[in-house]
């Protein structure tokens, strides 16, 4: 059993990606995610995009945590949450099936995920 916690982020009514305040908090959010990744907490994450690649501020982050209480605390430390731009629904997710492989192209400085 591989237990993860999924943080479903939804932008609230104050979200405006073009505003200077949102841009500042978004930069802090990206820095926070990099810290989670560096510390081995974040498994995967990313935004939800429309078919035209438009973004409404929503996204999903999968984290490793002891329990749902810790996972909620991780969500509540996100600058987008603290800044009032995003809410989170946190749910447990047990990873059972699937496969992930990748090719590392050293000379091209590129990774292809299959």
N, C-alpha and C. Protein backbone atom coordinates (compact mmCIF):
# COMPACT_ATOMS: atom_id res chain seq x y z
N UNK A 1 0.84 -1.18 0.00
CA UNK A 1 0.00 0.00 0.00
C UNK A 1 0.88 1.25 0.00
N UNK A 2 0.58 2.16 -0.86
CA UNK A 2 1.31 3.42 -0.95
C UNK A 2 0.30 4.54 -0.73
N UNK A 3 0.24 5.04 0.51
CA UNK A 3 -0.74 6.04 0.89
C UNK A 3 -0.21 7.45 0.64
N UNK A 4 -0.98 8.20 -0.12
CA UNK A 4 -0.69 9.61 -0.37
C UNK A 4 -1.90 10.43 0.04
N UNK A 5 -1.73 11.73 0.05
CA UNK A 5 -2.83 12.65 0.31
C UNK A 5 -2.87 13.65 -0.84
N UNK A 6 -4.06 13.87 -1.36
CA UNK A 6 -4.23 14.75 -2.50
C UNK A 6 -4.89 16.04 -2.04
N UNK A 7 -4.25 17.14 -2.37
CA UNK A 7 -4.75 18.47 -2.04
C UNK A 7 -5.35 19.06 -3.32
N UNK A 8 -6.69 19.09 -3.41
CA UNK A 8 -7.37 19.68 -4.55
C UNK A 8 -7.54 21.17 -4.26
N UNK A 9 -6.84 22.00 -5.02
CA UNK A 9 -6.90 23.45 -4.80
C UNK A 9 -7.86 24.13 -5.75
N UNK A 10 -8.70 24.96 -5.21
CA UNK A 10 -9.65 25.74 -6.01
C UNK A 10 -9.49 27.21 -5.69
N UNK A 11 -9.36 28.01 -6.74
CA UNK A 11 -9.25 29.45 -6.56
C UNK A 11 -10.58 29.99 -6.06
N UNK A 12 -10.52 30.97 -5.18
CA UNK A 12 -11.76 31.59 -4.72
C UNK A 12 -11.98 32.91 -5.45
N UNK A 13 -12.98 33.64 -5.06
CA UNK A 13 -13.39 34.83 -5.79
C UNK A 13 -12.33 35.93 -5.84
N UNK A 14 -11.35 35.91 -4.96
CA UNK A 14 -10.31 36.94 -5.00
C UNK A 14 -9.21 36.64 -6.01
N UNK A 15 -9.28 35.47 -6.67
CA UNK A 15 -8.24 35.08 -7.63
C UNK A 15 -8.28 35.95 -8.89
N UNK A 16 -7.17 36.55 -9.20
CA UNK A 16 -6.97 37.27 -10.46
C UNK A 16 -5.49 37.15 -10.78
N UNK A 17 -5.15 36.21 -11.65
CA UNK A 17 -3.76 35.89 -11.92
C UNK A 17 -2.97 37.10 -12.42
N UNK A 18 -3.64 38.09 -12.98
CA UNK A 18 -2.96 39.27 -13.50
C UNK A 18 -2.64 40.31 -12.42
N UNK A 19 -3.25 40.20 -11.26
CA UNK A 19 -3.02 41.21 -10.23
C UNK A 19 -1.62 41.07 -9.64
N UNK A 20 -0.99 42.19 -9.26
CA UNK A 20 0.33 42.12 -8.64
C UNK A 20 0.33 41.29 -7.36
N UNK A 21 -0.74 41.37 -6.59
CA UNK A 21 -0.81 40.59 -5.34
C UNK A 21 -0.81 39.10 -5.64
N UNK A 22 -1.61 38.68 -6.62
CA UNK A 22 -1.65 37.26 -6.98
C UNK A 22 -0.32 36.81 -7.54
N UNK A 23 0.32 37.62 -8.34
CA UNK A 23 1.63 37.27 -8.91
C UNK A 23 2.66 37.06 -7.81
N UNK A 24 2.66 37.93 -6.79
CA UNK A 24 3.60 37.79 -5.68
C UNK A 24 3.34 36.49 -4.91
N UNK A 25 2.08 36.24 -4.60
CA UNK A 25 1.74 35.04 -3.83
C UNK A 25 1.97 33.78 -4.67
N UNK A 26 1.73 33.87 -5.97
CA UNK A 26 1.98 32.73 -6.84
C UNK A 26 3.48 32.37 -6.85
N UNK A 27 4.34 33.38 -6.85
CA UNK A 27 5.79 33.13 -6.77
C UNK A 27 6.14 32.46 -5.44
N UNK A 28 5.51 32.89 -4.36
CA UNK A 28 5.74 32.27 -3.05
C UNK A 28 5.22 30.83 -3.04
N UNK A 29 4.09 30.60 -3.69
CA UNK A 29 3.52 29.25 -3.81
C UNK A 29 4.51 28.32 -4.52
N UNK A 30 5.07 28.78 -5.63
CA UNK A 30 6.04 27.96 -6.38
C UNK A 30 7.25 27.66 -5.51
N UNK A 31 7.72 28.62 -4.78
CA UNK A 31 8.84 28.41 -3.86
C UNK A 31 8.48 27.38 -2.79
N UNK A 32 7.27 27.48 -2.26
CA UNK A 32 6.79 26.51 -1.26
C UNK A 32 6.77 25.10 -1.84
N UNK A 33 6.27 24.97 -3.08
CA UNK A 33 6.23 23.66 -3.72
C UNK A 33 7.63 23.10 -3.93
N UNK A 34 8.56 23.96 -4.29
CA UNK A 34 9.95 23.50 -4.47
C UNK A 34 10.54 23.00 -3.15
N UNK A 35 10.17 23.65 -2.05
CA UNK A 35 10.62 23.20 -0.74
C UNK A 35 10.01 21.85 -0.40
N UNK A 36 8.71 21.68 -0.68
CA UNK A 36 8.06 20.39 -0.44
C UNK A 36 8.71 19.29 -1.27
N UNK A 37 9.04 19.61 -2.50
CA UNK A 37 9.70 18.63 -3.37
C UNK A 37 11.09 18.30 -2.85
N UNK A 38 11.85 19.31 -2.51
CA UNK A 38 13.22 19.11 -2.00
C UNK A 38 13.22 18.27 -0.73
N UNK A 39 12.22 18.48 0.13
CA UNK A 39 12.15 17.76 1.40
C UNK A 39 11.49 16.39 1.29
N UNK A 40 11.13 15.97 0.06
CA UNK A 40 10.54 14.67 -0.14
C UNK A 40 9.09 14.56 0.29
N UNK A 41 8.42 15.68 0.47
CA UNK A 41 7.01 15.68 0.89
C UNK A 41 6.08 15.61 -0.31
N UNK A 42 6.37 16.41 -1.33
CA UNK A 42 5.51 16.42 -2.51
C UNK A 42 5.86 15.24 -3.42
N UNK A 43 4.84 14.49 -3.81
CA UNK A 43 5.01 13.40 -4.75
C UNK A 43 4.89 13.93 -6.18
N UNK A 44 3.80 14.67 -6.44
CA UNK A 44 3.56 15.29 -7.74
C UNK A 44 2.58 16.44 -7.55
N UNK A 45 2.55 17.32 -8.50
CA UNK A 45 1.57 18.40 -8.43
C UNK A 45 1.52 19.17 -9.73
N UNK A 46 0.47 19.95 -9.90
CA UNK A 46 0.36 20.77 -11.09
C UNK A 46 -1.02 21.38 -11.22
N UNK A 47 -1.14 22.33 -12.14
CA UNK A 47 -2.41 23.02 -12.33
C UNK A 47 -3.37 22.21 -13.20
N UNK A 48 -4.65 22.48 -13.04
CA UNK A 48 -5.66 21.97 -13.96
C UNK A 48 -5.80 23.00 -15.07
N UNK A 49 -5.70 22.56 -16.30
CA UNK A 49 -5.79 23.46 -17.45
C UNK A 49 -7.00 23.09 -18.30
N UNK A 50 -7.64 24.10 -18.88
CA UNK A 50 -8.74 23.88 -19.82
C UNK A 50 -8.15 23.43 -21.15
N UNK A 51 -9.01 23.01 -22.08
CA UNK A 51 -8.53 22.53 -23.38
C UNK A 51 -7.81 23.64 -24.16
N UNK A 52 -8.13 24.89 -23.89
CA UNK A 52 -7.44 26.00 -24.54
C UNK A 52 -6.22 26.47 -23.73
N UNK A 53 -5.84 25.68 -22.72
CA UNK A 53 -4.71 25.92 -21.84
C UNK A 53 -4.94 27.08 -20.88
N UNK A 54 -6.18 27.56 -20.81
CA UNK A 54 -6.52 28.60 -19.85
C UNK A 54 -6.44 28.02 -18.44
N UNK A 55 -6.10 28.86 -17.47
CA UNK A 55 -5.96 28.42 -16.09
C UNK A 55 -6.82 29.27 -15.19
N UNK A 56 -7.65 28.63 -14.38
CA UNK A 56 -8.52 29.35 -13.46
C UNK A 56 -8.01 29.36 -12.03
N UNK A 57 -6.76 28.98 -11.82
CA UNK A 57 -6.17 28.99 -10.48
C UNK A 57 -6.29 27.67 -9.73
N UNK A 58 -6.91 26.67 -10.34
CA UNK A 58 -7.08 25.39 -9.65
C UNK A 58 -5.88 24.49 -9.90
N UNK A 59 -5.69 23.51 -9.02
CA UNK A 59 -4.59 22.57 -9.18
C UNK A 59 -4.68 21.43 -8.19
N UNK A 60 -3.73 20.53 -8.28
CA UNK A 60 -3.70 19.36 -7.42
C UNK A 60 -2.25 19.10 -6.99
N UNK A 61 -2.09 18.80 -5.72
CA UNK A 61 -0.77 18.48 -5.18
C UNK A 61 -0.90 17.18 -4.39
N UNK A 62 -0.05 16.20 -4.69
CA UNK A 62 -0.03 14.94 -3.95
C UNK A 62 1.15 15.00 -2.98
N UNK A 63 0.87 14.69 -1.72
CA UNK A 63 1.92 14.76 -0.71
C UNK A 63 2.00 13.47 0.09
N UNK A 64 3.17 13.26 0.65
CA UNK A 64 3.40 12.19 1.61
C UNK A 64 3.21 12.81 2.99
N UNK A 65 2.39 12.18 3.82
CA UNK A 65 2.15 12.69 5.17
C UNK A 65 1.81 11.51 6.07
N UNK A 66 1.96 11.72 7.38
CA UNK A 66 1.63 10.66 8.34
C UNK A 66 0.14 10.34 8.33
N UNK A 67 -0.68 11.40 8.19
CA UNK A 67 -2.13 11.23 8.23
C UNK A 67 -2.77 12.46 7.59
N UNK A 68 -4.08 12.46 7.54
CA UNK A 68 -4.79 13.55 6.88
C UNK A 68 -4.65 14.86 7.64
N UNK A 69 -4.46 14.80 8.93
CA UNK A 69 -4.26 16.02 9.73
C UNK A 69 -2.98 16.72 9.29
N UNK A 70 -1.90 15.95 9.13
CA UNK A 70 -0.65 16.54 8.67
C UNK A 70 -0.79 17.06 7.23
N UNK A 71 -1.50 16.31 6.39
CA UNK A 71 -1.70 16.75 5.00
C UNK A 71 -2.48 18.07 4.96
N UNK A 72 -3.49 18.22 5.80
CA UNK A 72 -4.24 19.48 5.86
C UNK A 72 -3.34 20.62 6.33
N UNK A 73 -2.46 20.34 7.26
CA UNK A 73 -1.54 21.37 7.74
C UNK A 73 -0.60 21.82 6.63
N UNK A 74 -0.17 20.89 5.79
CA UNK A 74 0.67 21.23 4.63
C UNK A 74 -0.10 22.15 3.70
N UNK A 75 -1.36 21.83 3.44
CA UNK A 75 -2.20 22.67 2.57
C UNK A 75 -2.37 24.06 3.17
N UNK A 76 -2.55 24.13 4.45
CA UNK A 76 -2.82 25.41 5.11
C UNK A 76 -1.58 26.29 5.25
N UNK A 77 -0.41 25.75 4.95
CA UNK A 77 0.82 26.56 4.93
C UNK A 77 1.13 27.10 3.54
N UNK A 78 0.36 26.67 2.54
CA UNK A 78 0.58 27.14 1.17
C UNK A 78 0.28 28.63 1.10
N UNK A 79 1.19 29.43 0.54
CA UNK A 79 0.94 30.87 0.43
C UNK A 79 -0.35 31.23 -0.32
N UNK A 80 -0.77 30.42 -1.29
CA UNK A 80 -2.04 30.71 -1.96
C UNK A 80 -3.21 30.59 -0.98
N UNK A 81 -3.13 29.63 -0.07
CA UNK A 81 -4.15 29.47 0.96
C UNK A 81 -4.06 30.62 1.98
N UNK A 82 -2.85 30.87 2.46
CA UNK A 82 -2.65 31.92 3.45
C UNK A 82 -3.02 33.30 2.92
N UNK A 83 -2.81 33.52 1.62
CA UNK A 83 -3.12 34.80 1.00
C UNK A 83 -4.58 34.97 0.64
N UNK A 84 -5.38 33.93 0.88
CA UNK A 84 -6.80 34.02 0.59
C UNK A 84 -7.17 33.82 -0.87
N UNK A 85 -6.25 33.25 -1.66
CA UNK A 85 -6.52 33.03 -3.08
C UNK A 85 -7.04 31.64 -3.39
N UNK A 86 -6.83 30.68 -2.48
CA UNK A 86 -7.16 29.29 -2.78
C UNK A 86 -7.70 28.60 -1.54
N UNK A 87 -8.63 27.68 -1.77
CA UNK A 87 -9.07 26.76 -0.74
C UNK A 87 -8.59 25.36 -1.14
N UNK A 88 -8.53 24.47 -0.18
CA UNK A 88 -8.11 23.10 -0.46
C UNK A 88 -9.11 22.10 0.09
N UNK A 89 -9.35 21.05 -0.68
CA UNK A 89 -10.02 19.86 -0.20
C UNK A 89 -8.92 18.80 -0.15
N UNK A 90 -8.71 18.21 1.01
CA UNK A 90 -7.64 17.22 1.18
C UNK A 90 -8.27 15.85 1.37
N UNK A 91 -7.83 14.90 0.56
CA UNK A 91 -8.36 13.54 0.62
C UNK A 91 -7.22 12.54 0.58
N UNK A 92 -7.40 11.42 1.27
CA UNK A 92 -6.43 10.33 1.20
C UNK A 92 -6.57 9.60 -0.13
N UNK A 93 -5.45 9.14 -0.64
CA UNK A 93 -5.45 8.39 -1.90
C UNK A 93 -4.45 7.26 -1.80
N UNK A 94 -4.92 6.06 -2.04
CA UNK A 94 -4.07 4.88 -2.01
C UNK A 94 -3.68 4.53 -3.43
N UNK A 95 -2.39 4.62 -3.73
CA UNK A 95 -1.88 4.32 -5.06
C UNK A 95 -1.71 2.81 -5.18
N UNK A 96 -2.46 2.20 -6.10
CA UNK A 96 -2.43 0.74 -6.26
C UNK A 96 -1.95 0.29 -7.63
N UNK A 97 -2.33 1.01 -8.69
CA UNK A 97 -2.06 0.54 -10.04
C UNK A 97 -1.33 1.59 -10.85
N UNK A 98 -0.75 1.13 -11.95
CA UNK A 98 -0.12 2.02 -12.90
C UNK A 98 1.38 1.81 -12.98
N UNK A 99 1.99 2.53 -13.87
CA UNK A 99 3.43 2.46 -14.06
C UNK A 99 3.93 3.83 -14.50
N UNK A 100 5.13 4.14 -14.15
CA UNK A 100 5.75 5.39 -14.53
C UNK A 100 7.18 5.08 -14.95
N UNK A 101 7.54 5.52 -16.14
CA UNK A 101 8.91 5.36 -16.60
C UNK A 101 9.35 6.66 -17.25
N UNK A 102 10.64 6.85 -17.31
CA UNK A 102 11.15 8.08 -17.90
C UNK A 102 12.48 7.81 -18.59
N UNK A 103 12.80 8.72 -19.52
CA UNK A 103 14.07 8.68 -20.21
C UNK A 103 14.79 9.99 -19.90
N UNK A 104 15.99 9.88 -19.42
CA UNK A 104 16.81 11.05 -19.10
C UNK A 104 17.77 11.29 -20.25
N UNK A 105 17.62 12.42 -20.93
CA UNK A 105 18.49 12.80 -22.04
C UNK A 105 19.54 13.77 -21.48
N UNK A 106 20.69 13.27 -21.13
CA UNK A 106 21.70 14.07 -20.46
C UNK A 106 22.19 15.23 -21.31
N UNK A 107 22.51 14.97 -22.57
CA UNK A 107 23.05 16.02 -23.42
C UNK A 107 22.02 17.11 -23.70
N UNK A 108 20.76 16.73 -23.81
CA UNK A 108 19.70 17.70 -24.12
C UNK A 108 19.11 18.33 -22.86
N UNK A 109 19.53 17.84 -21.68
CA UNK A 109 19.01 18.35 -20.41
C UNK A 109 17.48 18.26 -20.40
N UNK A 110 16.98 17.06 -20.73
CA UNK A 110 15.53 16.85 -20.86
C UNK A 110 15.16 15.49 -20.31
N UNK A 111 13.96 15.44 -19.72
CA UNK A 111 13.40 14.17 -19.25
C UNK A 111 12.08 13.96 -19.95
N UNK A 112 11.91 12.78 -20.55
CA UNK A 112 10.64 12.40 -21.16
C UNK A 112 9.96 11.41 -20.23
N UNK A 113 8.71 11.67 -19.88
CA UNK A 113 7.94 10.76 -19.04
C UNK A 113 6.99 9.98 -19.93
N UNK A 114 6.96 8.66 -19.72
CA UNK A 114 6.15 7.76 -20.55
C UNK A 114 5.07 7.13 -19.70
